[in-house]
Amino acid sequence: MALTKMSLVEKICDEVGMTKKESMAAVESLFEIMKSELASGKPVLISGFGKWTVKSKRARLGRNPQTGERMTIDARSVLTFHGSNVLKEAVNSGD
């Protein structure tokens, strides 16, 4: 089962002792801050967890896989995440 926003809120309630309303506000605030920073092109680094960055991809030629027709793929921004070594070790050790 995936970790959802609601299950994250419930875990914060249980572990920190905040009410659900306070926990939801904290989670929403964190996500809004992260979105805002990423939207402005700034990386988000959480030590011991990982780093999110926005990278720009330039326009390029591609092909429609169904028809084989050549087409231009528009320039776009992509979000990347690189986990820290601490996170990678925790995932690989099963913690």
PDB file of N, CA and C in Angstrom:
ATOM      1  N   MET A   1       0.839  -1.179   0.000  1.00  0.00           N
ATOM      2  CA  MET A   1       0.000   0.000   0.000  1.00  0.00           C
ATOM      3  C   MET A   1       0.891   1.252   0.000  1.00  0.00           C
ATOM      4  N   ALA A   2       0.514   2.213  -0.794  1.00  0.00           N
ATOM      5  CA  ALA A   2       1.301   3.443  -0.938  1.00  0.00           C
ATOM      6  C   ALA A   2       1.073   4.381   0.243  1.00  0.00           C
ATOM      7  N   LEU A   3       2.057   5.191   0.496  1.00  0.00           N
ATOM      8  CA  LEU A   3       1.932   6.230   1.514  1.00  0.00           C
ATOM      9  C   LEU A   3       1.196   7.397   0.872  1.00  0.00           C
ATOM     10  N   THR A   4      -0.001   7.685   1.329  1.00  0.00           N
ATOM     11  CA  THR A   4      -0.802   8.782   0.803  1.00  0.00           C
ATOM     12  C   THR A   4      -0.682   9.996   1.712  1.00  0.00           C
ATOM     13  N   LYS A   5      -1.219  11.101   1.249  1.00  0.00           N
ATOM     14  CA  LYS A   5      -1.183  12.316   2.062  1.00  0.00           C
ATOM     15  C   LYS A   5      -1.919  12.090   3.381  1.00  0.00           C
ATOM     16  N   MET A   6      -3.070  11.430   3.326  1.00  0.00           N
ATOM     17  CA  MET A   6      -3.838  11.179   4.556  1.00  0.00           C
ATOM     18  C   MET A   6      -3.105  10.239   5.508  1.00  0.00           C
ATOM     19  N   SER A   7      -2.458   9.209   4.976  1.00  0.00           N
ATOM     20  CA  SER A   7      -1.725   8.302   5.863  1.00  0.00           C
ATOM     21  C   SER A   7      -0.515   9.016   6.462  1.00  0.00           C
ATOM     22  N   LEU A   8       0.082   9.927   5.706  1.00  0.00           N
ATOM     23  CA  LEU A   8       1.179  10.742   6.240  1.00  0.00           C
ATOM     24  C   LEU A   8       0.675  11.630   7.377  1.00  0.00           C
ATOM     25  N   VAL A   9      -0.481  12.241   7.195  1.00  0.00           N
ATOM     26  CA  VAL A   9      -1.092  13.073   8.241  1.00  0.00           C
ATOM     27  C   VAL A   9      -1.350  12.240   9.493  1.00  0.00           C
ATOM     28  N   GLU A  10      -1.884  11.036   9.315  1.00  0.00           N
ATOM     29  CA  GLU A  10      -2.172  10.165  10.461  1.00  0.00           C
ATOM     30  C   GLU A  10      -0.904   9.747  11.185  1.00  0.00           C
ATOM     31  N   LYS A  11       0.168   9.464  10.434  1.00  0.00           N
ATOM     32  CA  LYS A  11       1.431   9.093  11.072  1.00  0.00           C
ATOM     33  C   LYS A  11       2.001  10.267  11.881  1.00  0.00           C
ATOM     34  N   ILE A  12       1.868  11.482  11.347  1.00  0.00           N
ATOM     35  CA  ILE A  12       2.332  12.656  12.087  1.00  0.00           C
ATOM     36  C   ILE A  12       1.517  12.822  13.362  1.00  0.00           C
ATOM     37  N   CYS A  13       0.216  12.615  13.265  1.00  0.00           N
ATOM     38  CA  CYS A  13      -0.649  12.685  14.464  1.00  0.00           C
ATOM     39  C   CYS A  13      -0.167  11.717  15.531  1.00  0.00           C
ATOM     40  N   ASP A  14       0.086  10.482  15.121  1.00  0.00           N
ATOM     41  CA  ASP A  14       0.481   9.441  16.065  1.00  0.00           C
ATOM     42  C   ASP A  14       1.866   9.685  16.662  1.00  0.00           C
ATOM     43  N   GLU A  15       2.819  10.078  15.827  1.00  0.00           N
ATOM     44  CA  GLU A  15       4.196  10.186  16.290  1.00  0.00           C
ATOM     45  C   GLU A  15       4.536  11.517  16.958  1.00  0.00           C
ATOM     46  N   VAL A  16       3.890  12.600  16.534  1.00  0.00           N
ATOM     47  CA  VAL A  16       4.217  13.913  17.075  1.00  0.00           C
ATOM     48  C   VAL A  16       3.190  14.356  18.113  1.00  0.00           C
ATOM     49  N   GLY A  17       1.984  13.848  18.002  1.00  0.00           N
ATOM     50  CA  GLY A  17       0.945  14.213  18.955  1.00  0.00           C
ATOM     51  C   GLY A  17       0.129  15.428  18.542  1.00  0.00           C
ATOM     52  N   MET A  18       0.207  15.809  17.279  1.00  0.00           N
ATOM     53  CA  MET A  18      -0.592  16.928  16.787  1.00  0.00           C
ATOM     54  C   MET A  18      -1.995  16.430  16.447  1.00  0.00           C
ATOM     55  N   THR A  19      -2.939  17.352  16.381  1.00  0.00           N
ATOM     56  CA  THR A  19      -4.282  16.979  15.935  1.00  0.00           C
ATOM     57  C   THR A  19      -4.236  16.754  14.427  1.00  0.00           C
ATOM     58  N   LYS A  20      -5.281  16.099  13.899  1.00  0.00           N
ATOM     59  CA  LYS A  20      -5.334  15.862  12.458  1.00  0.00           C
ATOM     60  C   LYS A  20      -5.360  17.179  11.689  1.00  0.00           C
ATOM     61  N   LYS A  21      -6.068  18.151  12.227  1.00  0.00           N
ATOM     62  CA  LYS A  21      -6.156  19.447  11.562  1.00  0.00           C
ATOM     63  C   LYS A  21      -4.789  20.120  11.513  1.00  0.00           C
ATOM     64  N   GLU A  22      -4.049  20.082  12.614  1.00  0.00           N
ATOM     65  CA  GLU A  22      -2.711  20.668  12.661  1.00  0.00           C
ATOM     66  C   GLU A  22      -1.743  19.910  11.736  1.00  0.00           C
ATOM     67  N   SER A  23      -1.857  18.592  11.756  1.00  0.00           N
ATOM     68  CA  SER A  23      -0.995  17.765  10.907  1.00  0.00           C
ATOM     69  C   SER A  23      -1.264  18.024   9.433  1.00  0.00           C
ATOM     70  N   MET A  24      -2.537  18.137   9.062  1.00  0.00           N
ATOM     71  CA  MET A  24      -2.900  18.410   7.668  1.00  0.00           C
ATOM     72  C   MET A  24      -2.371  19.775   7.254  1.00  0.00           C
ATOM     73  N   ALA A  25      -2.475  20.761   8.127  1.00  0.00           N
ATOM     74  CA  ALA A  25      -1.965  22.102   7.822  1.00  0.00           C
ATOM     75  C   ALA A  25      -0.444  22.070   7.627  1.00  0.00           C
ATOM     76  N   ALA A  26       0.251  21.307   8.450  1.00  0.00           N
ATOM     77  CA  ALA A  26       1.710  21.214   8.340  1.00  0.00           C
ATOM     78  C   ALA A  26       2.115  20.543   7.030  1.00  0.00           C
ATOM     79  N   VAL A  27       1.451  19.466   6.684  1.00  0.00           N
ATOM     80  CA  VAL A  27       1.762  18.749   5.446  1.00  0.00           C
ATOM     81  C   VAL A  27       1.459  19.634   4.238  1.00  0.00           C
ATOM     82  N   GLU A  28       0.295  20.264   4.231  1.00  0.00           N
ATOM     83  CA  GLU A  28      -0.087  21.147   3.120  1.00  0.00           C
ATOM     84  C   GLU A  28       0.905  22.299   2.985  1.00  0.00           C
ATOM     85  N   SER A  29       1.306  22.865   4.106  1.00  0.00           N
ATOM     86  CA  SER A  29       2.259  23.971   4.096  1.00  0.00           C
ATOM     87  C   SER A  29       3.598  23.527   3.519  1.00  0.00           C
ATOM     88  N   LEU A  30       4.071  22.373   3.939  1.00  0.00           N
ATOM     89  CA  LEU A  30       5.330  21.833   3.421  1.00  0.00           C
ATOM     90  C   LEU A  30       5.258  21.646   1.913  1.00  0.00           C
ATOM     91  N   PHE A  31       4.186  21.031   1.430  1.00  0.00           N
ATOM     92  CA  PHE A  31       4.042  20.800  -0.009  1.00  0.00           C
ATOM     93  C   PHE A  31       3.951  22.105  -0.791  1.00  0.00           C
ATOM     94  N   GLU A  32       3.255  23.088  -0.258  1.00  0.00           N
ATOM     95  CA  GLU A  32       3.135  24.382  -0.939  1.00  0.00           C
ATOM     96  C   GLU A  32       4.484  25.091  -1.026  1.00  0.00           C
ATOM     97  N   ILE A  33       5.250  25.031   0.058  1.00  0.00           N
ATOM     98  CA  ILE A  33       6.582  25.645   0.057  1.00  0.00           C
ATOM     99  C   ILE A  33       7.471  24.956  -0.979  1.00  0.00           C
ATOM    100  N   MET A  34       7.440  23.627  -1.004  1.00  0.00           N
ATOM    101  CA  MET A  34       8.249  22.887  -1.966  1.00  0.00           C
ATOM    102  C   MET A  34       7.830  23.213  -3.398  1.00  0.00           C
ATOM    103  N   LYS A  35       6.520  23.242  -3.666  1.00  0.00           N
ATOM    104  CA  LYS A  35       6.033  23.567  -5.011  1.00  0.00           C
ATOM    105  C   LYS A  35       6.463  24.958  -5.429  1.00  0.00           C
ATOM    106  N   SER A  36       6.354  25.904  -4.526  1.00  0.00           N
ATOM    107  CA  SER A  36       6.720  27.282  -4.815  1.00  0.00           C
ATOM    108  C   SER A  36       8.197  27.406  -5.162  1.00  0.00           C
ATOM    109  N   GLU A  37       9.041  26.774  -4.377  1.00  0.00           N
ATOM    110  CA  GLU A  37      10.481  26.825  -4.621  1.00  0.00           C
ATOM    111  C   GLU A  37      10.832  26.172  -5.958  1.00  0.00           C
ATOM    112  N   LEU A  38      10.246  25.008  -6.225  1.00  0.00           N
ATOM    113  CA  LEU A  38      10.531  24.310  -7.480  1.00  0.00           C
ATOM    114  C   LEU A  38      10.002  25.090  -8.682  1.00  0.00           C
ATOM    115  N   ALA A  39       8.825  25.697  -8.542  1.00  0.00           N
ATOM    116  CA  ALA A  39       8.249  26.482  -9.634  1.00  0.00           C
ATOM    117  C   ALA A  39       9.115  27.683  -9.976  1.00  0.00           C
ATOM    118  N   SER A  40       9.823  28.222  -8.986  1.00  0.00           N
ATOM    119  CA  SER A  40      10.700  29.366  -9.247  1.00  0.00           C
ATOM    120  C   SER A  40      12.091  28.917  -9.711  1.00  0.00           C
ATOM    121  N   GLY A  41      12.276  27.612  -9.882  1.00  0.00           N
ATOM    122  CA  GLY A  41      13.536  27.093 -10.407  1.00  0.00           C
ATOM    123  C   GLY A  41      14.585  26.768  -9.364  1.00  0.00           C
ATOM    124  N   LYS A  42      14.239  26.897  -8.095  1.00  0.00           N
ATOM    125  CA  LYS A  42      15.199  26.613  -7.024  1.00  0.00           C
ATOM    126  C   LYS A  42      15.124  25.131  -6.637  1.00  0.00           C
ATOM    127  N   PRO A  43      16.261  24.512  -6.343  1.00  0.00           N
ATOM    128  CA  PRO A  43      16.232  23.122  -5.888  1.00  0.00           C
ATOM    129  C   PRO A  43      15.738  23.031  -4.443  1.00  0.00           C
ATOM    130  N   VAL A  44      15.201  21.886  -4.089  1.00  0.00           N
ATOM    131  CA  VAL A  44      14.777  21.615  -2.714  1.00  0.00           C
ATOM    132  C   VAL A  44      15.654  20.473  -2.198  1.00  0.00           C
ATOM    133  N   LEU A  45      16.434  20.758  -1.169  1.00  0.00           N
ATOM    134  CA  LEU A  45      17.362  19.783  -0.603  1.00  0.00           C
ATOM    135  C   LEU A  45      16.961  19.501   0.836  1.00  0.00           C
ATOM    136  N   ILE A  46      16.688  18.254   1.138  1.00  0.00           N
ATOM    137  CA  ILE A  46      16.398  17.835   2.507  1.00  0.00           C
ATOM    138  C   ILE A  46      17.508  16.861   2.894  1.00  0.00           C
ATOM    139  N   SER A  47      18.390  17.321   3.769  1.00  0.00           N
ATOM    140  CA  SER A  47      19.552  16.524   4.169  1.00  0.00           C
ATOM    141  C   SER A  47      19.113  15.178   4.719  1.00  0.00           C
ATOM    142  N   GLY A  48      19.804  14.140   4.306  1.00  0.00           N
ATOM    143  CA  GLY A  48      19.491  12.798   4.759  1.00  0.00           C
ATOM    144  C   GLY A  48      18.331  12.171   4.007  1.00  0.00           C
ATOM    145  N   PHE A  49      17.712  12.910   3.080  1.00  0.00           N
ATOM    146  CA  PHE A  49      16.592  12.366   2.312  1.00  0.00           C
ATOM    147  C   PHE A  49      16.852  12.454   0.818  1.00  0.00           C
ATOM    148  N   GLY A  50      16.999  13.671   0.295  1.00  0.00           N
ATOM    149  CA  GLY A  50      17.265  13.785  -1.128  1.00  0.00           C
ATOM    150  C   GLY A  50      17.112  15.198  -1.644  1.00  0.00           C
ATOM    151  N   LYS A  51      17.237  15.319  -2.964  1.00  0.00           N
ATOM    152  CA  LYS A  51      17.198  16.628  -3.604  1.00  0.00           C
ATOM    153  C   LYS A  51      16.294  16.578  -4.835  1.00  0.00           C
ATOM    154  N   TRP A  52      15.364  17.530  -4.904  1.00  0.00           N
ATOM    155  CA  TRP A  52      14.503  17.704  -6.064  1.00  0.00           C
ATOM    156  C   TRP A  52      15.042  18.887  -6.856  1.00  0.00           C
ATOM    157  N   THR A  53      15.117  18.753  -8.169  1.00  0.00           N
ATOM    158  CA  THR A  53      15.529  19.860  -9.021  1.00  0.00           C
ATOM    159  C   THR A  53      14.634  19.899 -10.259  1.00  0.00           C
ATOM    160  N   VAL A  54      14.552  21.074 -10.858  1.00  0.00           N
ATOM    161  CA  VAL A  54      13.823  21.242 -12.108  1.00  0.00           C
ATOM    162  C   VAL A  54      14.853  21.458 -13.195  1.00  0.00           C
ATOM    163  N   LYS A  55      14.765  20.639 -14.243  1.00  0.00           N
ATOM    164  CA  LYS A  55      15.682  20.758 -15.368  1.00  0.00           C
ATOM    165  C   LYS A  55      14.888  21.116 -16.613  1.00  0.00           C
ATOM    166  N   SER A  56      15.515  21.880 -17.486  1.00  0.00           N
ATOM    167  CA  SER A  56      14.868  22.273 -18.740  1.00  0.00           C
ATOM    168  C   SER A  56      15.316  21.338 -19.848  1.00  0.00           C
ATOM    169  N   LYS A  57      14.341  20.838 -20.595  1.00  0.00           N
ATOM    170  CA  LYS A  57      14.643  20.040 -21.773  1.00  0.00           C
ATOM    171  C   LYS A  57      14.331  20.895 -22.985  1.00  0.00           C
ATOM    172  N   ARG A  58      15.224  20.928 -23.930  1.00  0.00           N
ATOM    173  CA  ARG A  58      14.994  21.735 -25.123  1.00  0.00           C
ATOM    174  C   ARG A  58      14.089  20.979 -26.103  1.00  0.00           C
ATOM    175  N   ALA A  59      13.551  21.700 -27.050  1.00  0.00           N
ATOM    176  CA  ALA A  59      12.722  21.083 -28.081  1.00  0.00           C
ATOM    177  C   ALA A  59      13.588  20.141 -28.911  1.00  0.00           C
ATOM    178  N   ARG A  60      12.996  19.053 -29.392  1.00  0.00           N
ATOM    179  CA  ARG A  60      13.764  18.099 -30.187  1.00  0.00           C
ATOM    180  C   ARG A  60      12.849  17.380 -31.172  1.00  0.00           C
ATOM    181  N   LEU A  61      13.453  16.744 -32.139  1.00  0.00           N
ATOM    182  CA  LEU A  61      12.690  15.969 -33.111  1.00  0.00           C
ATOM    183  C   LEU A  61      12.418  14.584 -32.549  1.00  0.00           C
ATOM    184  N   GLY A  62      11.243  14.083 -32.818  1.00  0.00           N
ATOM    185  CA  GLY A  62      10.870  12.752 -32.396  1.00  0.00           C
ATOM    186  C   GLY A  62       9.979  12.116 -33.448  1.00  0.00           C
ATOM    187  N   ARG A  63       9.452  10.953 -33.141  1.00  0.00           N
ATOM    188  CA  ARG A  63       8.553  10.259 -34.060  1.00  0.00           C
ATOM    189  C   ARG A  63       7.306   9.808 -33.312  1.00  0.00           C
ATOM    190  N   ASN A  64       6.185   9.886 -34.004  1.00  0.00           N
ATOM    191  CA  ASN A  64       4.950   9.332 -33.466  1.00  0.00           C
ATOM    192  C   ASN A  64       5.095   7.815 -33.534  1.00  0.00           C
ATOM    193  N   PRO A  65       5.031   7.092 -32.407  1.00  0.00           N
ATOM    194  CA  PRO A  65       5.263   5.653 -32.437  1.00  0.00           C
ATOM    195  C   PRO A  65       4.194   4.869 -33.211  1.00  0.00           C
ATOM    196  N   GLN A  66       3.005   5.432 -33.355  1.00  0.00           N
ATOM    197  CA  GLN A  66       1.943   4.721 -34.072  1.00  0.00           C
ATOM    198  C   GLN A  66       2.052   4.882 -35.578  1.00  0.00           C
ATOM    199  N   THR A  67       2.421   6.092 -36.026  1.00  0.00           N
ATOM    200  CA  THR A  67       2.460   6.353 -37.464  1.00  0.00           C
ATOM    201  C   THR A  67       3.868   6.452 -38.019  1.00  0.00           C
ATOM    202  N   GLY A  68       4.857   6.654 -37.177  1.00  0.00           N
ATOM    203  CA  GLY A  68       6.226   6.837 -37.628  1.00  0.00           C
ATOM    204  C   GLY A  68       6.492   8.240 -38.154  1.00  0.00           C
ATOM    205  N   GLU A  69       5.477   9.097 -38.106  1.00  0.00           N
ATOM    206  CA  GLU A  69       5.589  10.460 -38.600  1.00  0.00           C
ATOM    207  C   GLU A  69       6.532  11.273 -37.706  1.00  0.00           C
ATOM    208  N   ARG A  70       7.389  12.085 -38.358  1.00  0.00           N
ATOM    209  CA  ARG A  70       8.300  12.946 -37.604  1.00  0.00           C
ATOM    210  C   ARG A  70       7.508  14.093 -36.992  1.00  0.00           C
ATOM    211  N   MET A  71       7.904  14.477 -35.792  1.00  0.00           N
ATOM    212  CA  MET A  71       7.225  15.575 -35.115  1.00  0.00           C
ATOM    213  C   MET A  71       8.208  16.270 -34.184  1.00  0.00           C
ATOM    214  N   THR A  72       7.862  17.485 -33.794  1.00  0.00           N
ATOM    215  CA  THR A  72       8.684  18.233 -32.855  1.00  0.00           C
ATOM    216  C   THR A  72       8.110  18.066 -31.454  1.00  0.00           C
ATOM    217  N   ILE A  73       8.964  17.680 -30.534  1.00  0.00           N
ATOM    218  CA  ILE A  73       8.576  17.574 -29.127  1.00  0.00           C
ATOM    219  C   ILE A  73       8.944  18.904 -28.486  1.00  0.00           C
ATOM    220  N   ASP A  74       7.960  19.568 -27.913  1.00  0.00           N
ATOM    221  CA  ASP A  74       8.150  20.906 -27.350  1.00  0.00           C
ATOM    222  C   ASP A  74       9.133  20.900 -26.181  1.00  0.00           C
ATOM    223  N   ALA A  75       9.752  22.051 -25.968  1.00  0.00           N
ATOM    224  CA  ALA A  75      10.614  22.243 -24.803  1.00  0.00           C
ATOM    225  C   ALA A  75       9.738  22.142 -23.554  1.00  0.00           C
ATOM    226  N   ARG A  76      10.318  21.641 -22.479  1.00  0.00           N
ATOM    227  CA  ARG A  76       9.554  21.496 -21.245  1.00  0.00           C
ATOM    228  C   ARG A  76      10.488  21.433 -20.056  1.00  0.00           C
ATOM    229  N   SER A  77       9.896  21.547 -18.881  1.00  0.00           N
ATOM    230  CA  SER A  77      10.642  21.400 -17.633  1.00  0.00           C
ATOM    231  C   SER A  77      10.298  20.043 -17.033  1.00  0.00           C
ATOM    232  N   VAL A  78      11.293  19.378 -16.474  1.00  0.00           N
ATOM    233  CA  VAL A  78      11.064  18.088 -15.835  1.00  0.00           C
ATOM    234  C   VAL A  78      11.575  18.139 -14.402  1.00  0.00           C
ATOM    235  N   LEU A  79      10.905  17.441 -13.532  1.00  0.00           N
ATOM    236  CA  LEU A  79      11.278  17.370 -12.128  1.00  0.00           C
ATOM    237  C   LEU A  79      12.098  16.107 -11.912  1.00  0.00           C
ATOM    238  N   THR A  80      13.239  16.244 -11.261  1.00  0.00           N
ATOM    239  CA  THR A  80      14.073  15.089 -10.965  1.00  0.00           C
ATOM    240  C   THR A  80      14.273  14.978  -9.458  1.00  0.00           C
ATOM    241  N   PHE A  81      14.455  13.756  -8.983  1.00  0.00           N
ATOM    242  CA  PHE A  81      14.734  13.514  -7.573  1.00  0.00           C
ATOM    243  C   PHE A  81      15.924  12.581  -7.480  1.00  0.00           C
ATOM    244  N   HIS A  82      16.869  12.947  -6.635  1.00  0.00           N
ATOM    245  CA  HIS A  82      18.016  12.096  -6.351  1.00  0.00           C
ATOM    246  C   HIS A  82      18.044  11.854  -4.852  1.00  0.00           C
ATOM    247  N   GLY A  83      17.901  10.603  -4.476  1.00  0.00           N
ATOM    248  CA  GLY A  83      17.925  10.246  -3.068  1.00  0.00           C
ATOM    249  C   GLY A  83      19.321  10.358  -2.490  1.00  0.00           C
ATOM    250  N   SER A  84      19.391  10.712  -1.216  1.00  0.00           N
ATOM    251  CA  SER A  84      20.689  10.813  -0.538  1.00  0.00           C
ATOM    252  C   SER A  84      21.242   9.418  -0.276  1.00  0.00           C
ATOM    253  N   ASN A  85      22.512   9.359   0.041  1.00  0.00           N
ATOM    254  CA  ASN A  85      23.125   8.074   0.374  1.00  0.00           C
ATOM    255  C   ASN A  85      22.480   7.460   1.606  1.00  0.00           C
ATOM    256  N   VAL A  86      22.077   8.301   2.562  1.00  0.00           N
ATOM    257  CA  VAL A  86      21.404   7.802   3.771  1.00  0.00           C
ATOM    258  C   VAL A  86      20.098   7.114   3.392  1.00  0.00           C
ATOM    259  N   LEU A  87      19.317   7.718   2.513  1.00  0.00           N
ATOM    260  CA  LEU A  87      18.049   7.134   2.063  1.00  0.00           C
ATOM    261  C   LEU A  87      18.304   5.844   1.286  1.00  0.00           C
ATOM    262  N   LYS A  88      19.281   5.863   0.406  1.00  0.00           N
ATOM    263  CA  LYS A  88      19.593   4.663  -0.386  1.00  0.00           C
ATOM    264  C   LYS A  88      19.995   3.497   0.507  1.00  0.00           C
ATOM    265  N   GLU A  89      20.820   3.794   1.528  1.00  0.00           N
ATOM    266  CA  GLU A  89      21.238   2.730   2.452  1.00  0.00           C
ATOM    267  C   GLU A  89      20.043   2.193   3.246  1.00  0.00           C
ATOM    268  N   ALA A  90      19.138   3.078   3.662  1.00  0.00           N
ATOM    269  CA  ALA A  90      17.956   2.639   4.411  1.00  0.00           C
ATOM    270  C   ALA A  90      17.056   1.759   3.552  1.00  0.00           C
ATOM    271  N   VAL A  91      16.896   2.135   2.286  1.00  0.00           N
ATOM    272  CA  VAL A  91      16.054   1.344   1.375  1.00  0.00           C
ATOM    273  C   VAL A  91      16.689  -0.010   1.118  1.00  0.00           C
ATOM    274  N   ASN A  92      17.992  -0.033   0.921  1.00  0.00           N
ATOM    275  CA  ASN A  92      18.670  -1.284   0.618  1.00  0.00           C
ATOM    276  C   ASN A  92      18.836  -2.205   1.814  1.00  0.00           C
ATOM    277  N   SER A  93      18.845  -1.640   3.017  1.00  0.00           N
ATOM    278  CA  SER A  93      18.981  -2.488   4.201  1.00  0.00           C
ATOM    279  C   SER A  93      17.633  -2.955   4.734  1.00  0.00           C
ATOM    280  N   GLY A  94      16.547  -2.374   4.196  1.00  0.00           N
ATOM    281  CA  GLY A  94      15.207  -2.790   4.620  1.00  0.00           C
ATOM    282  C   GLY A  94      14.715  -2.098   5.847  1.00  0.00           C
ATOM    283  N   ASP A  95      15.354  -1.011   6.300  1.00  0.00           N
ATOM    284  CA  ASP A  95      14.911  -0.278   7.503  1.00  0.00           C
ATOM    285  C   ASP A  95      13.652   0.484   7.222  1.00  0.00           C
TER     286      ASP A  95
END
